[in-house]
Protein backbone atom coordinates (compact mmCIF):
# COMPACT_ATOMS: atom_id res chain seq x y z
CA MET A 1 135.26 120.15 131.45
CA VAL A 2 132.50 122.38 132.44
CA SER A 3 128.97 121.10 132.67
CA GLN A 4 126.46 122.07 130.61
CA GLU A 5 124.29 123.20 133.49
CA ASN A 6 127.37 125.53 134.33
CA ILE A 7 127.66 127.40 131.19
CA ARG A 8 126.22 130.94 129.88
CA ASN A 9 127.18 132.02 126.65
CA ILE A 10 126.33 135.85 126.42
CA ALA A 11 127.09 138.94 123.74
CA ILE A 12 128.17 142.62 125.21
CA ILE A 13 126.45 144.76 122.38
CA ALA A 14 126.22 148.67 122.58
CA HIS A 15 126.63 151.95 120.49
CA VAL A 16 129.80 153.08 120.30
CA ASP A 17 131.92 154.08 122.97
CA HIS A 18 129.19 153.12 125.92
CA GLY A 19 132.29 151.10 127.57
CA LYS A 20 131.81 147.50 125.97
CA THR A 21 135.08 146.60 125.70
CA THR A 22 136.20 148.78 129.11
CA LEU A 23 133.27 146.43 130.60
CA VAL A 24 135.04 143.28 129.52
CA ASP A 25 138.70 144.44 130.99
CA GLU A 26 137.17 144.32 134.23
CA LEU A 27 135.13 141.00 134.10
CA LEU A 28 138.68 139.65 132.72
CA LYS A 29 140.33 140.86 135.76
CA GLN A 30 137.47 140.09 137.99
CA GLY A 31 137.40 136.45 136.44
CA GLY A 32 140.48 135.76 137.72
CA ILE A 33 141.98 135.58 134.45
CA TYR A 34 145.35 137.97 135.31
CA ARG A 35 147.70 136.57 138.11
CA GLU A 36 147.78 139.48 140.93
CA ASN A 37 151.36 141.07 139.69
CA GLN A 38 150.66 140.79 135.90
CA ALA A 39 151.15 143.88 133.97
CA THR A 40 147.48 144.73 132.43
CA GLN A 41 146.51 147.19 129.20
CA ASP A 42 143.42 148.35 128.55
CA ARG A 43 141.06 147.86 125.96
CA VAL A 44 142.51 144.26 125.85
CA MET A 45 140.42 142.65 123.54
CA ASP A 46 140.51 145.64 120.97
CA SER A 47 143.94 143.51 119.77
CA GLY A 48 144.34 145.04 115.96
CA ASP A 49 146.41 148.32 115.27
CA LEU A 50 143.54 149.91 113.85
CA GLU A 51 140.72 149.30 117.07
CA ARG A 52 143.60 150.70 119.00
CA GLU A 53 144.46 153.92 117.31
CA ARG A 54 140.66 154.82 116.42
CA GLY A 55 139.60 153.43 119.83
CA ILE A 56 136.49 151.71 118.23
CA THR A 57 136.22 147.64 117.75
CA ILE A 58 135.90 146.34 114.37
CA LEU A 59 136.15 142.66 115.07
CA ALA A 60 133.56 140.63 117.05
CA LYS A 61 136.15 138.63 119.93
CA ASN A 62 135.44 135.64 121.57
CA THR A 63 136.76 135.30 125.50
CA SER A 64 135.79 133.53 128.74
CA VAL A 65 135.83 134.57 132.13
CA HIS A 66 134.91 131.48 135.26
CA TYR A 67 132.74 132.79 138.23
CA LYS A 68 132.36 130.00 140.76
CA ASP A 69 132.04 126.84 139.50
CA TYR A 70 130.51 128.82 135.98
CA LYS A 71 132.04 129.11 132.96
CA ILE A 72 130.68 132.18 130.95
CA ASN A 73 131.79 132.91 127.52
CA ILE A 74 131.59 136.36 126.27
CA VAL A 75 131.72 137.89 123.18
CA ASP A 76 132.87 141.55 122.34
CA THR A 77 131.12 143.64 119.41
CA PRO A 78 131.28 146.20 117.59
CA GLY A 79 128.89 149.57 117.97
CA HIS A 80 129.68 151.17 114.96
CA ALA A 81 126.48 150.67 112.42
CA ASP A 82 128.92 149.69 109.63
CA PHE A 83 130.14 146.20 111.51
CA GLY A 84 126.54 145.33 111.77
CA GLY A 85 127.32 142.07 109.99
CA GLU A 86 129.58 141.13 113.30
CA VAL A 87 127.02 141.74 115.66
CA GLU A 88 123.79 139.84 113.63
CA ARG A 89 125.90 136.60 113.01
CA ILE A 90 127.76 136.27 116.65
CA LEU A 91 124.18 136.12 118.08
CA LYS A 92 123.32 132.66 116.75
CA MET A 93 126.52 131.59 119.09
CA VAL A 94 124.90 133.04 122.69
CA ASN A 95 121.59 132.79 124.54
CA GLY A 96 121.61 135.81 126.27
CA VAL A 97 122.55 139.70 125.64
CA ILE A 98 124.00 142.45 128.09
CA LEU A 99 122.65 145.71 126.70
CA LEU A 100 125.16 148.34 127.64
CA VAL A 101 123.71 151.91 127.92
CA ASP A 102 125.59 155.19 128.55
CA ALA A 103 124.18 156.89 131.67
CA ALA A 104 124.22 160.20 129.95
CA GLU A 105 123.85 159.81 126.08
CA GLY A 106 120.97 156.59 126.72
CA PRO A 107 119.87 154.39 123.99
CA MET A 108 121.31 155.26 120.40
CA PRO A 109 120.67 154.55 116.71
CA GLN A 110 123.03 151.18 117.13
CA THR A 111 121.47 150.12 120.31
CA ARG A 112 118.15 149.78 118.50
CA PHE A 113 119.75 148.11 115.48
CA VAL A 114 121.24 145.43 117.32
CA LEU A 115 118.45 144.84 120.14
CA GLN A 116 116.16 144.66 117.60
CA LYS A 117 118.02 141.32 115.98
CA ALA A 118 118.30 139.76 120.10
CA LEU A 119 114.72 140.37 120.26
CA GLU A 120 114.12 139.06 117.45
CA LEU A 121 116.14 135.74 118.17
CA GLY A 122 114.23 135.47 121.91
CA HIS A 123 117.05 136.05 123.44
CA LYS A 124 116.71 137.26 127.16
CA VAL A 125 118.44 140.65 127.67
CA ILE A 126 119.91 142.25 131.02
CA VAL A 127 120.08 145.70 130.81
CA ALA A 128 123.17 147.43 132.22
CA VAL A 129 123.41 151.16 132.36
CA ASN A 130 127.12 152.17 132.53
CA LYS A 131 129.18 155.38 133.43
CA ILE A 132 126.89 156.33 136.49
CA ASP A 133 129.32 157.73 137.69
CA LYS A 134 129.46 160.41 134.96
CA PRO A 135 128.74 164.00 136.22
CA ASP A 136 125.65 164.50 133.14
CA ALA A 137 124.34 161.12 134.12
CA ARG A 138 120.46 161.05 133.78
CA ILE A 139 119.85 157.63 135.03
CA GLU A 140 115.79 158.15 135.32
CA GLU A 141 115.15 159.38 131.77
CA VAL A 142 117.62 156.98 130.36
CA MET A 143 115.88 153.89 132.21
CA ASP A 144 112.48 155.09 130.53
CA GLU A 145 113.80 155.63 127.30
CA VAL A 146 115.24 151.81 127.32
CA LEU A 147 111.49 150.35 128.68
CA GLU A 148 110.30 153.09 125.31
CA LEU A 149 112.85 151.36 123.22
CA LEU A 150 112.08 147.91 124.17
CA LEU A 151 107.95 148.92 123.94
CA ASP A 152 108.87 150.07 120.33
CA LEU A 153 110.52 146.67 119.44
CA ASP A 154 107.60 144.74 120.19
CA ALA A 155 109.55 142.99 123.24
CA THR A 156 107.61 139.97 124.85
CA ASP A 157 106.53 140.42 128.51
CA GLU A 158 109.57 138.44 129.82
CA GLN A 159 111.83 140.94 127.69
CA PHE A 160 110.28 144.06 128.92
CA ASN A 161 110.79 142.73 132.88
CA SER A 162 114.65 142.58 131.82
CA PRO A 163 116.89 142.77 135.42
CA THR A 164 118.52 145.90 135.01
CA VAL A 165 122.22 146.70 136.89
CA PHE A 166 124.08 149.51 137.37
CA CYS A 167 127.66 150.05 136.39
CA SER A 168 130.93 152.37 136.48
CA GLY A 169 133.00 150.28 133.80
CA ARG A 170 135.93 152.17 134.45
CA GLN A 171 135.78 151.47 138.41
CA GLY A 172 134.67 148.16 137.82
CA THR A 173 131.74 148.04 140.21
CA ALA A 174 127.97 147.33 139.27
CA ALA A 175 124.89 147.34 141.93
CA TYR A 176 120.96 146.50 141.90
CA SER A 177 119.65 150.34 142.27
CA PRO A 178 121.58 153.36 141.42
CA ASP A 179 121.76 154.80 144.54
CA GLU A 180 123.93 151.98 145.73
CA VAL A 181 127.92 152.54 145.86
CA GLY A 182 129.07 149.00 144.21
CA LYS A 183 132.22 147.55 145.23
CA ASP A 184 132.81 145.25 142.27
CA LEU A 185 130.70 143.21 139.62
CA THR A 186 129.51 140.58 141.51
CA PRO A 187 126.11 141.99 141.03
CA LEU A 188 126.39 141.67 136.98
CA PHE A 189 127.85 138.02 137.43
CA GLU A 190 125.07 136.72 139.43
CA THR A 191 122.81 138.32 137.56
CA ILE A 192 124.10 136.39 134.33
CA ILE A 193 124.07 133.51 135.84
CA ASN A 194 120.57 133.71 138.06
CA TYR A 195 118.75 135.00 134.31
CA ILE A 196 120.55 133.60 131.40
CA PRO A 197 119.95 130.20 130.24
CA ALA A 198 121.93 127.19 130.14
CA PRO A 199 122.67 126.11 126.55
CA ALA A 200 120.32 123.92 125.14
CA GLY A 201 121.12 120.77 123.48
CA ASN A 202 121.90 116.79 123.90
CA ARG A 203 125.14 115.65 124.48
CA GLU A 204 124.19 112.07 123.12
CA GLU A 205 122.62 113.50 119.95
CA PRO A 206 124.32 113.29 116.21
CA LEU A 207 126.56 116.19 115.91
CA GLN A 208 125.27 119.92 115.20
CA LEU A 209 127.97 122.92 115.01
CA LEU A 210 127.18 126.18 113.43
CA VAL A 211 130.00 128.33 112.08
CA SER A 212 129.20 131.60 113.42
CA SER A 213 132.72 133.10 112.66
CA ILE A 214 136.14 133.22 110.62
CA ASP A 215 139.41 133.17 111.92
CA TYR A 216 142.79 133.09 109.76
CA ASN A 217 145.86 132.07 110.66
CA GLU A 218 148.89 131.31 108.07
CA TYR A 219 150.24 128.41 109.70
CA VAL A 220 146.72 126.34 110.54
CA GLY A 221 144.54 127.92 107.54
CA ARG A 222 140.93 128.88 108.49
CA ILE A 223 139.86 129.07 111.74
CA ALA A 224 136.18 128.05 112.74
CA VAL A 225 134.68 129.55 115.49
CA GLY A 226 130.59 128.38 116.61
CA ARG A 227 128.53 126.91 119.15
CA VAL A 228 128.37 123.05 119.34
CA GLU A 229 124.15 123.01 119.18
CA ARG A 230 124.21 119.13 119.97
CA GLY A 231 126.37 116.06 120.33
CA THR A 232 129.79 115.88 120.87
CA ILE A 233 132.94 116.79 118.50
CA LYS A 234 136.24 115.37 118.99
CA VAL A 235 139.78 115.87 117.42
CA ASN A 236 140.06 113.60 114.27
CA GLN A 237 136.34 113.15 113.82
CA GLU A 238 134.80 112.84 110.65
CA VAL A 239 132.36 115.20 109.65
CA THR A 240 130.11 116.35 106.83
CA ILE A 241 129.95 119.99 106.27
CA CYS A 242 126.63 121.06 104.69
CA ASP A 243 124.47 124.41 103.94
CA PHE A 244 120.85 125.15 105.00
CA HIS A 245 120.08 127.65 102.15
CA ASP A 246 122.10 125.29 99.45
CA PRO A 247 121.32 121.26 99.90
CA GLU A 248 123.55 120.87 96.90
CA ILE A 249 126.84 121.30 99.16
CA LYS A 250 127.37 118.39 101.02
CA GLN A 251 131.74 118.15 101.84
CA LYS A 252 133.61 115.74 103.93
CA GLY A 253 136.10 117.11 106.49
CA LYS A 254 138.10 116.19 109.26
CA VAL A 255 138.72 117.91 112.49
CA VAL A 256 142.32 118.54 112.98
CA ALA A 257 142.64 120.96 116.38
CA LEU A 258 140.47 121.70 118.71
CA TYR A 259 140.15 124.52 120.78
CA GLU A 260 138.22 126.39 123.63
CA PHE A 261 138.30 129.99 124.68
CA ASP A 262 140.33 130.36 127.73
CA GLY A 263 140.58 134.18 129.33
CA LEU A 264 142.57 136.04 126.33
CA GLY A 265 143.70 132.68 124.46
CA LYS A 266 142.73 129.39 123.29
CA ASN A 267 143.49 126.03 124.56
CA PRO A 268 143.55 122.91 122.58
CA ILE A 269 140.89 120.07 123.91
CA PRO A 270 140.45 116.93 122.87
CA GLU A 271 136.44 117.17 122.46
CA ALA A 272 133.50 119.20 123.45
CA SER A 273 129.88 119.05 123.90
CA ALA A 274 126.73 121.12 123.45
CA GLY A 275 126.63 124.49 124.59
CA GLU A 276 130.24 125.17 124.33
CA ILE A 277 131.54 127.84 122.25
CA VAL A 278 134.88 126.45 120.24
CA ALA A 279 137.40 127.11 117.42
CA LEU A 280 138.70 124.29 115.20
CA SER A 281 140.65 123.95 112.42
CA GLY A 282 141.74 121.41 109.34
CA MET A 283 139.22 122.38 106.89
CA ALA A 284 139.93 124.40 103.73
CA ASP A 285 136.75 125.49 102.14
CA ILE A 286 134.72 125.99 105.18
CA THR A 287 132.80 129.33 105.72
CA ILE A 288 130.25 131.28 107.64
CA GLY A 289 126.80 129.82 107.88
CA ARG A 290 127.64 126.00 106.80
CA THR A 291 126.82 123.36 109.67
CA LEU A 292 129.41 120.42 110.88
CA CYS A 293 127.39 117.23 111.24
CA ALA A 294 128.03 114.09 112.03
CA THR A 295 128.29 112.01 108.51
CA ASP A 296 125.54 109.45 109.69
CA CYS A 297 122.90 112.48 110.21
CA ILE A 298 122.87 115.31 108.18
CA GLU A 299 120.72 118.23 109.68
CA PRO A 300 121.73 121.60 108.56
CA LEU A 301 121.16 124.29 110.64
CA PRO A 302 119.33 127.69 109.15
CA PHE A 303 121.45 130.92 109.41
CA VAL A 304 120.51 134.59 110.54
CA LYS A 305 119.97 136.33 106.97
CA ILE A 306 122.98 139.20 106.93
CA SER A 307 121.65 142.64 105.79
CA ASP A 308 122.20 143.53 102.40
CA PRO A 309 124.73 146.54 102.04
CA THR A 310 124.36 149.90 101.13
CA ILE A 311 126.99 151.34 99.24
CA GLU A 312 129.40 150.43 96.79
CA MET A 313 132.99 151.42 95.56
CA THR A 314 134.83 150.50 92.63
CA PHE A 315 137.95 149.14 93.42
CA ALA A 316 140.63 149.27 90.90
CA VAL A 317 144.66 148.20 89.38
CA ASN A 318 146.25 151.63 90.25
CA ASP A 319 147.01 153.17 86.58
CA SER A 320 148.49 156.60 87.34
CA PRO A 321 152.30 157.60 86.43
CA PHE A 322 153.32 157.24 90.09
CA ALA A 323 152.20 153.68 89.75
CA GLY A 324 153.68 150.85 91.29
CA LYS A 325 156.59 153.02 92.93
CA GLU A 326 155.24 152.79 96.67
CA GLY A 327 153.45 149.44 96.80
CA LYS A 328 154.52 146.02 97.34
CA TYR A 329 150.93 144.23 95.68
CA VAL A 330 149.87 146.10 92.69
CA THR A 331 148.59 143.61 90.12
CA SER A 332 144.73 143.14 89.46
CA ARG A 333 145.74 139.18 90.47
CA ASN A 334 146.50 140.69 94.06
CA LEU A 335 143.79 142.27 94.35
CA ARG A 336 141.46 139.62 93.23
CA ASP A 337 143.21 137.39 96.07
CA ARG A 338 143.12 140.16 99.20
CA LEU A 339 139.11 140.74 98.09
CA GLU A 340 138.65 137.17 98.00
CA LYS A 341 140.43 136.29 101.66
CA GLU A 342 138.27 139.39 103.17
CA LEU A 343 135.13 137.56 101.83
CA MET A 344 136.11 134.41 104.27
CA LYS A 345 135.16 136.61 106.94
CA ASP A 346 133.42 139.28 106.41
CA VAL A 347 129.63 137.75 105.37
CA SER A 348 127.97 141.57 104.84
CA LEU A 349 131.01 142.59 102.08
CA HIS A 350 130.15 141.65 98.48
CA VAL A 351 132.75 141.92 95.99
CA THR A 352 131.58 141.48 92.06
CA GLU A 353 134.56 141.88 88.86
CA GLN A 354 133.70 144.42 86.68
CA ASP A 355 134.06 142.97 82.61
CA ASN A 356 137.66 144.82 82.52
CA THR A 357 139.51 142.49 84.77
CA ASP A 358 141.51 145.25 86.42
CA ALA A 359 138.29 146.47 88.95
CA PHE A 360 135.91 144.95 91.05
CA ASN A 361 132.85 146.43 92.71
CA VAL A 362 133.13 146.63 96.66
CA ALA A 363 129.92 146.98 98.40
CA GLY A 364 129.40 147.09 102.49
CA ARG A 365 127.69 148.39 105.13
CA GLY A 366 128.76 151.74 105.29
CA GLU A 367 132.11 154.26 104.21
CA MET A 368 133.40 153.40 107.45
CA HIS A 369 133.28 149.66 106.73
CA LEU A 370 134.70 149.94 103.81
CA SER A 371 137.41 152.51 104.67
CA ILE A 372 138.54 149.96 107.27
CA LEU A 373 139.40 147.75 104.69
CA MET A 374 141.19 150.41 102.40
CA GLU A 375 143.39 151.44 105.56
CA THR A 376 144.12 147.49 106.19
CA MET A 377 145.38 146.62 102.78
CA ARG A 378 147.42 149.87 102.56
CA ARG A 379 149.25 148.51 105.70
CA GLU A 380 149.85 145.45 104.51
CA GLY A 381 151.48 146.71 101.34
CA TYR A 382 149.19 147.17 98.69
CA GLU A 383 148.22 150.02 96.11
CA PHE A 384 145.14 150.34 94.04
CA SER A 385 142.10 153.12 93.36
CA VAL A 386 139.37 153.65 94.36
CA SER A 387 135.99 155.70 93.13
CA THR A 388 133.09 157.65 94.97
CA PRO A 389 130.99 156.07 96.71
CA ARG A 390 127.33 155.01 95.07
CA VAL A 391 124.50 154.22 97.05
CA LEU A 392 122.89 150.36 96.13
CA THR A 393 119.06 151.27 95.24
CA LYS A 394 116.50 148.63 94.72
CA VAL A 395 113.26 148.49 92.61
CA ILE A 396 110.37 148.33 94.97
CA ASP A 397 106.51 148.41 93.78
CA GLY A 398 108.41 149.27 90.96
CA LYS A 399 109.44 152.25 92.09
CA LEU A 400 113.55 153.22 92.26
CA CYS A 401 113.98 153.09 96.05
CA GLU A 402 117.26 154.24 98.18
CA PRO A 403 118.47 153.56 101.37
CA ILE A 404 117.21 155.87 104.14
CA GLU A 405 119.25 156.56 107.23
CA ARG A 406 117.87 157.22 110.78
CA MET A 407 120.19 159.56 112.20
CA VAL A 408 120.98 161.03 115.54
CA ALA A 409 122.82 164.44 116.08
CA ASP A 410 123.59 165.41 120.07
CA VAL A 411 124.15 169.25 119.42
CA PRO A 412 125.03 172.23 121.68
CA GLU A 413 121.62 174.67 121.30
CA GLU A 414 123.37 178.09 119.66
CA CYS A 415 124.50 174.97 116.33
CA MET A 416 121.24 173.66 115.79
CA GLY A 417 120.23 175.86 113.45
CA ALA A 418 123.75 174.89 111.72
CA VAL A 419 123.03 171.49 111.99
CA ILE A 420 119.26 171.48 110.35
CA GLU A 421 119.81 173.55 107.86
CA LYS A 422 122.63 171.42 106.39
CA MET A 423 120.48 168.40 106.59
CA GLY A 424 117.81 170.36 105.00
CA ARG A 425 119.67 170.66 101.61
CA ARG A 426 120.35 167.10 102.03
CA LYS A 427 116.45 166.18 101.90
CA ALA A 428 116.54 165.22 105.22
CA ASP A 429 113.19 165.10 107.13
CA LEU A 430 113.59 166.23 111.23
CA LEU A 431 111.65 163.71 113.56
CA GLY A 432 112.10 165.13 116.62
CA MET A 433 113.94 167.64 118.73
CA THR A 434 114.97 166.41 122.60
CA PRO A 435 116.31 168.79 125.08
CA MET A 436 119.20 167.12 127.44
CA GLY A 437 120.53 170.20 129.61
CA SER A 438 122.53 172.46 127.02
CA ARG A 439 122.10 170.25 124.77
CA TYR A 440 119.34 169.57 121.95
CA ARG A 441 118.98 165.19 120.50
CA LEU A 442 117.85 166.02 116.76
CA GLU A 443 116.27 163.01 114.70
CA PHE A 444 116.23 162.73 111.12
CA LEU A 445 115.55 160.84 108.23
CA VAL A 446 118.24 161.57 105.27
CA PRO A 447 119.11 159.17 102.28
CA SER A 448 122.59 157.75 102.63
CA ARG A 449 123.91 159.70 100.11
CA GLY A 450 123.04 162.78 101.74
CA LEU A 451 125.87 161.67 104.45
CA PHE A 452 128.65 161.06 102.35
CA GLY A 453 130.85 163.94 102.97
CA TYR A 454 129.00 165.05 105.98
CA ARG A 455 130.79 164.36 109.18
CA SER A 456 133.92 166.90 108.56
CA GLU A 457 131.53 169.70 107.69
CA PHE A 458 129.07 168.74 110.63
CA LEU A 459 131.97 168.93 113.10
CA THR A 460 133.19 172.25 111.65
CA ASP A 461 129.06 173.13 112.34
CA THR A 462 129.06 171.83 115.84
CA LYS A 463 132.80 173.61 117.20
CA GLY A 464 133.98 169.59 117.45
CA GLU A 465 131.45 169.27 120.03
CA GLY A 466 128.72 167.17 117.91
CA ILE A 467 127.87 163.77 118.04
CA MET A 468 126.47 161.73 115.23
CA SER A 469 125.36 158.60 114.11
CA SER A 470 123.23 156.48 111.87
CA VAL A 471 121.83 153.28 110.83
CA LEU A 472 120.04 152.19 108.04
CA ASP A 473 116.18 152.27 108.30
CA SER A 474 114.49 151.32 105.20
CA TYR A 475 114.14 152.29 101.52
CA ALA A 476 112.10 154.78 99.47
CA PRO A 477 111.88 156.77 96.47
CA MET A 478 114.87 158.63 95.78
CA LYS A 479 114.49 162.00 96.64
CA GLY A 480 116.33 163.80 94.34
CA GLU A 481 119.62 165.56 93.48
CA ILE A 482 121.67 166.07 96.31
CA GLU A 483 124.76 168.44 95.89
CA ARG A 484 127.32 166.78 97.64
CA ARG A 485 130.16 169.54 98.03
CA LEU A 486 130.20 173.47 97.33
CA VAL A 487 133.97 173.96 96.31
CA GLY A 488 136.03 172.80 93.50
CA SER A 489 139.64 171.39 93.20
CA LEU A 490 142.84 172.67 91.83
CA ILE A 491 144.63 170.47 89.41
CA ALA A 492 148.18 170.41 88.49
CA HIS A 493 148.95 171.58 84.87
CA GLU A 494 152.00 169.74 84.44
CA SER A 495 153.99 166.82 85.83
CA GLY A 496 156.93 167.55 88.13
CA GLU A 497 158.11 168.82 91.71
CA ALA A 498 155.54 171.49 93.62
CA VAL A 499 157.76 174.31 94.14
CA THR A 500 157.52 177.49 96.78
CA TYR A 501 157.12 179.78 94.13
CA GLY A 502 154.30 177.85 92.10
CA LEU A 503 152.60 176.92 95.05
CA GLY A 504 152.53 180.60 96.71
CA ALA A 505 150.14 181.70 93.45
CA ALA A 506 148.22 178.80 93.87
CA GLN A 507 147.14 179.25 97.39
CA GLU A 508 145.54 182.32 96.67
CA ARG A 509 143.10 180.41 94.80
CA GLY A 510 141.88 177.89 97.87
CA ALA A 511 143.99 175.61 100.64
CA MET A 512 146.44 173.33 99.68
CA LEU A 513 146.72 169.45 99.92
CA ILE A 514 150.57 169.43 99.25
CA GLY A 515 153.89 171.17 100.56
CA PRO A 516 157.00 171.98 98.13
CA GLY A 517 159.08 169.01 96.76
CA THR A 518 156.27 166.87 97.10
CA PRO A 519 156.05 165.10 93.58
CA VAL A 520 153.20 165.95 91.32
CA TYR A 521 151.24 164.76 87.76
CA ALA A 522 149.62 166.40 85.52
CA GLY A 523 145.64 165.92 86.87
CA MET A 524 146.31 164.99 90.40
CA VAL A 525 144.31 167.35 92.56
CA VAL A 526 146.77 169.49 94.63
CA GLY A 527 144.87 171.87 96.64
CA ILE A 528 140.75 172.71 97.14
CA CYS A 529 139.35 175.77 95.22
CA SER A 530 137.56 177.98 97.40
CA ARG A 531 135.09 178.41 94.25
CA ASN A 532 132.29 175.95 93.38
CA GLU A 533 134.52 174.98 90.31
CA ASP A 534 137.43 173.27 89.23
CA MET A 535 140.54 175.27 88.33
CA THR A 536 144.07 174.02 86.99
CA VAL A 537 147.19 175.43 88.65
CA ASN A 538 150.90 174.98 87.61
CA VAL A 539 152.48 174.42 90.89
CA CYS A 540 156.05 173.53 89.17
CA LYS A 541 156.31 176.98 88.20
CA ARG A 542 159.78 178.73 88.97
CA LYS A 543 160.67 182.11 89.12
CA GLN A 544 161.88 183.28 85.55
CA LEU A 545 165.64 184.73 86.45
CA THR A 546 166.96 187.38 84.49
CA ASN A 547 170.26 189.74 84.49
CA MET A 548 167.62 192.32 85.31
CA ARG A 549 166.70 190.45 88.50
CA ALA A 550 167.98 188.61 91.23
CA SER A 551 166.75 185.38 92.81
CA GLY A 552 166.31 187.14 96.20
CA SER A 553 165.61 190.58 95.43
CA ASP A 554 161.69 190.06 95.39
CA GLU A 555 159.88 189.65 99.49
CA ALA A 556 159.69 186.04 100.56
CA ILE A 557 156.76 183.85 99.67
CA ARG A 558 155.09 182.65 102.57
CA LEU A 559 153.20 179.33 102.39
CA VAL A 560 150.14 178.81 104.51
CA PRO A 561 151.18 174.92 106.02
CA PRO A 562 148.79 172.55 103.72
CA ARG A 563 146.08 170.69 104.83
CA VAL A 564 146.30 166.59 105.44
CA MET A 565 143.35 164.54 104.83
CA SER A 566 143.00 161.21 106.52
CA LEU A 567 141.43 158.35 104.38
CA GLU A 568 137.52 159.50 105.33
CA GLN A 569 137.92 163.03 104.62
CA CYS A 570 139.72 161.77 101.07
CA LEU A 571 136.60 160.06 100.40
CA GLU A 572 134.31 162.63 101.41
CA PHE A 573 135.91 165.14 99.43
CA LEU A 574 136.11 163.16 96.18
CA ALA A 575 133.94 164.29 93.23
CA ASP A 576 132.16 161.95 90.89
CA ASP A 577 134.69 162.37 88.20
CA GLU A 578 137.98 162.15 90.36
CA LEU A 579 139.56 158.65 91.97
CA LEU A 580 141.49 158.43 95.29
CA GLU A 581 144.91 156.57 94.58
CA CYS A 582 145.84 154.57 98.01
CA THR A 583 149.22 153.44 98.66
CA PRO A 584 151.35 152.24 101.14
CA LYS A 585 152.88 155.65 101.68
CA SER A 586 150.06 158.02 100.00
CA LEU A 587 146.68 159.01 99.49
CA ARG A 588 146.48 161.20 96.51
CA ILE A 589 143.14 162.66 94.68
CA ARG A 590 143.44 162.42 90.91
CA LYS A 591 140.67 163.50 87.82
CA ARG A 592 139.67 159.91 86.19
CA GLU A 593 141.28 161.40 82.73
CA LEU A 594 144.43 163.54 83.39
CA ASP A 595 145.05 165.28 80.46
CA HIS A 596 143.42 168.69 80.42
CA GLY A 597 142.73 169.49 77.38
CA ILE A 598 140.00 165.89 77.08
CA ARG A 599 138.60 166.84 80.21
CA MET A 600 137.80 170.36 78.80
CA ARG A 601 136.24 168.60 75.48
CA ASN A 602 133.83 166.70 77.57
CA LEU A 603 133.30 169.55 80.18
CA MET A 604 131.68 171.73 76.69
CA LYS A 605 130.17 168.60 75.48
CA LYS A 606 128.41 167.81 78.62
CA ARG A 607 126.93 171.65 78.50
CA ALA A 608 126.15 171.62 75.44
CA GLN A 609 123.93 168.50 76.04
CA GLU A 610 122.80 170.11 79.47
CA ASN A 611 121.53 173.40 77.07
CA GLY A 612 119.68 171.36 74.20
């Protein structure tokens, strides 16, 4: 076992795509985790299929490296604001953070969010300016922006004077000055050892361990991950599970297995002392935020309050005419069990059951947070339908308030006008414009619901060159009506199979979402109408053949290839009266009310009410 003085616990925090996982790859290589001839893969910490496909980190991961006689426990954290709950809770496990900042982009909204949480906990900060080898790096300006950010967040004098290291994560080099040419990551290792303190806690006192993360394994059940705050934990030890925020919880438990993180794996160990980050199994109902204490000294530890969710969607049993044809798990019981399982390891997710037991309100931190859950469930064989995203409002001082996001967009100069105009329509306030070479950084305060459906529009307006990101800023009184989309839906009139003749007539009304041979049902959305109104089309209509006309005598119908939408794009497109049907094989948009006649009657009633 490594002595307590030689342990360092750190988290790497940064905005998305600033190079956290790549830097951890190099720390692992130079920390002696791999054999000399061992084949390695890039972004080894992004172990999930979705993480590797999208190039993002979704779950915080633990690893450790050895440098000289020191053991450095490292937590790689997500960069997206939607997974901020992951970052907030793991900060309780560490004594310091490496703040990674891109040498070209500088501090971004998520950088601000996670740094604020780290400063509030009193953690020491090492600033690492990454990607200094990029041709558009602006190291001096980025350093000034980091200092301004620390001032803005009321950092202490010690935190303001944090050491800075200049890195290239891809090349695996670091230096103390931007003018030096680094050879390896030794300067970063030395800064961690000299600046980050060893974990506190007396090994002789009674046990205290705060659970900060939960893993799940089909063979051993729930695996709790946390740092031993004081005392020693041993295999087969009897412990008491308690909760600082709920004094009534006091359950007996037993540590069946104990593991330490070593490189990319876990090693079973007989015991661990104060300061170590460990994983343990054997307790079925352990959850995040609970404390394991010695049975004769029950003193629970306070847990960081996780920020509230900002958006909500309704997950319901799929009741379309195609229900149950493609999914393995289709009932409300399957849906309930899966959502409860997700709650065990995701503290920023909230699930409430509706009066009719076939639907559940699922609240999360953003569209991506919920869409990742939906994509994971689809891949596991679940079939369900979801509603449009809704913002969660609060009543503050007697006024109804909605969440406001701080949105930062880096756009080419010629695209600035289009972005500002679109954001104005979405009730956004422009806070500032900063020139960055041939590009501009625009900062807005915009209602969360104003960003629904905007991402794909933003990419179109900036010709694919824009970068946008947002993070929750505050709550403010409701800003009034925001029109979400300026186009309507093309809706199938009858059930059947789409044919070329019917699609040829329908594509004159707008862009199609399906091709010939696709099964459709009445009420299913088959295309995007070019006008701002819904239109019913018959894509199953065949050419009527008579003895006067041969089937091939007319000119051939040329179909435009259908538009294939991703899960996020489907969610952005959904109108309030539509649902998204998610199955392992398909994504179908449909009207809540499938019957065309009933939809028309409801529309006439609504218009009559609006006209008084």
